[in-house]
Amino acid sequence: RANASSGSYVFEFAGADDVAIMNLTLTGAEVAVMAPSDAGSDRLSLLNNHIYGQGGGNAFSGAGASVEAGNVGATIVGNFVHDNGYTGIQVEGADAVVRDNRVSGNELGIVALY
C-alpha cells in the first residue's frame, strides 16, 4: 500500500456483513482494517493474517485493526499484529471474539471497549 496518511486503509468496511479476511499480509496504511462507528458491518472475521507497519509516525496514528461500535460479532483470531504506530487491535463492537493473536511492538496491544 505504501500510503500511511490519515484516512488510508487497506480495507474499510461500510455495511458489508459476513466478510472474512484470511491469510493475508496487510501493511503500509494508517489502519489496516477499519470498520468505522455505525458502519453496520456485522460478523467480520480476521483470521490468520500478518498485520504490521501501519501509521505515519504521528502520535496516536496507526492501528492494525479497528472495529468500532455498531459493528456486531467480529471474530479476530490467529493473527500476528506487530509494530503498528499506536494500537494493535481495537474492538468496540458488541459480541466480539478476540483470541489466539500474537500482538507485540505496538504502543497499545489490544483495546476492548463496549
Protein backbone atom coordinates (compact mmCIF):
# COMPACT_ATOMS: atom_id res chain seq x y z
CA ARG A 1 0.00 0.00 0.00
CA ALA A 2 2.73 2.49 0.99
CA ASN A 3 0.32 5.28 1.98
CA ALA A 4 0.10 5.83 5.73
CA SER A 5 -1.56 9.25 5.52
CA SER A 6 -4.63 9.99 7.61
CA GLY A 7 -7.71 8.16 6.34
CA SER A 8 -5.84 5.49 4.39
CA TYR A 9 -6.95 1.89 4.95
CA VAL A 10 -6.10 -1.46 3.42
CA PHE A 11 -9.74 -2.48 3.99
CA GLU A 12 -12.55 -0.11 5.04
CA PHE A 13 -15.99 -1.55 5.73
CA ALA A 14 -19.26 0.27 5.08
CA GLY A 15 -22.17 -2.13 5.57
CA ALA A 16 -20.73 -5.43 4.34
CA ASP A 17 -21.74 -8.39 6.52
CA ASP A 18 -20.16 -11.84 6.88
CA VAL A 19 -16.80 -10.92 5.30
CA ALA A 20 -13.65 -12.91 6.11
CA ILE A 21 -10.12 -11.63 5.58
CA MET A 22 -7.79 -14.62 5.83
CA ASN A 23 -4.14 -15.48 5.33
CA LEU A 24 -3.04 -12.06 4.03
CA THR A 25 -0.23 -9.64 4.82
CA LEU A 26 -1.61 -6.14 5.48
CA THR A 27 0.83 -3.24 5.76
CA GLY A 28 1.54 0.38 4.86
CA ALA A 29 -1.71 2.25 5.66
CA GLU A 30 -2.88 4.37 8.58
CA VAL A 31 -5.15 1.47 9.65
CA ALA A 32 -5.05 -1.97 8.04
CA VAL A 33 -8.68 -2.96 8.74
CA MET A 34 -11.21 -0.26 9.62
CA ALA A 35 -14.88 -0.79 10.42
CA PRO A 36 -15.95 2.73 11.42
CA SER A 37 -18.55 3.51 14.03
CA ASP A 38 -22.06 2.52 12.95
CA ALA A 39 -20.96 1.19 9.56
CA GLY A 40 -23.18 -1.79 10.30
CA SER A 41 -20.65 -4.36 9.11
CA ASP A 42 -21.56 -7.37 11.22
CA ARG A 43 -19.75 -10.68 11.71
CA LEU A 44 -16.42 -9.58 10.24
CA SER A 45 -13.65 -12.16 10.56
CA LEU A 46 -9.90 -11.53 10.59
CA LEU A 47 -8.20 -14.91 10.57
CA ASN A 48 -4.51 -15.82 10.42
CA ASN A 49 -3.25 -12.55 8.94
CA HIS A 50 0.11 -10.79 9.30
CA ILE A 51 -0.65 -7.16 10.12
CA TYR A 52 2.22 -4.72 10.65
CA GLY A 53 3.68 -1.31 9.81
CA GLN A 54 0.58 0.90 9.95
CA GLY A 55 0.84 4.60 10.82
CA GLY A 56 2.68 7.59 9.53
CA GLY A 57 4.75 8.27 12.61
CA ASN A 58 2.32 10.79 14.10
CA ALA A 59 1.20 10.41 17.72
CA PHE A 60 -1.93 8.23 18.03
CA SER A 61 -1.63 7.18 14.37
CA GLY A 62 -1.59 3.63 13.12
CA ALA A 63 -3.64 0.58 14.02
CA GLY A 64 -3.66 -2.99 12.87
CA ALA A 65 -7.43 -3.45 13.17
CA SER A 66 -10.16 -1.14 14.44
CA VAL A 67 -13.72 -2.44 14.74
CA GLU A 68 -15.73 0.42 16.20
CA ALA A 69 -19.15 0.48 17.87
CA GLY A 70 -22.09 -0.53 15.69
CA ASN A 71 -20.28 -3.48 14.09
CA VAL A 72 -21.50 -6.60 15.89
CA GLY A 73 -19.94 -10.03 16.21
CA ALA A 74 -16.40 -9.54 14.94
CA THR A 75 -14.02 -12.51 15.16
CA ILE A 76 -10.30 -11.73 15.32
CA VAL A 77 -8.34 -14.96 15.71
CA GLY A 78 -4.84 -16.23 14.96
CA ASN A 79 -3.30 -13.01 13.63
CA PHE A 80 0.26 -11.74 14.08
CA VAL A 81 -0.16 -8.00 14.74
CA HIS A 82 3.03 -6.06 15.39
CA ASP A 83 4.90 -2.79 15.01
CA ASN A 84 1.91 -0.59 14.20
CA GLY A 85 2.20 3.06 15.16
CA TYR A 86 -0.30 3.02 18.00
CA THR A 87 -2.82 0.20 18.53
CA GLY A 88 -2.54 -3.43 17.54
CA ILE A 89 -6.22 -4.41 17.79
CA GLN A 90 -9.10 -2.22 18.92
CA VAL A 91 -12.62 -3.59 19.26
CA GLU A 92 -15.65 -1.61 20.39
CA GLY A 93 -18.43 -3.64 18.77
CA ALA A 94 -20.65 -5.97 20.81
CA ASP A 95 -20.22 -9.75 20.87
CA ALA A 96 -16.65 -9.70 19.55
CA VAL A 97 -14.25 -12.63 19.91
CA VAL A 98 -10.54 -11.80 20.11
CA ARG A 99 -8.28 -14.77 20.87
CA ASP A 100 -5.08 -16.58 19.95
CA ASN A 101 -3.48 -13.49 18.39
CA ARG A 102 0.21 -12.68 18.73
CA VAL A 103 0.43 -8.94 19.41
CA SER A 104 3.70 -7.06 20.06
CA GLY A 105 5.59 -3.86 19.39
CA ASN A 106 2.52 -1.58 19.30
CA GLU A 107 2.05 1.34 21.72
CA LEU A 108 -1.16 -0.39 22.88
CA GLY A 109 -1.66 -4.12 22.30
CA ILE A 110 -5.37 -4.98 22.46
CA VAL A 111 -8.03 -2.44 23.40
CA ALA A 112 -11.54 -3.77 24.06
CA LEU A 113 -14.35 -1.31 24.80
CA TYR A 114 -18.09 -1.69 24.98
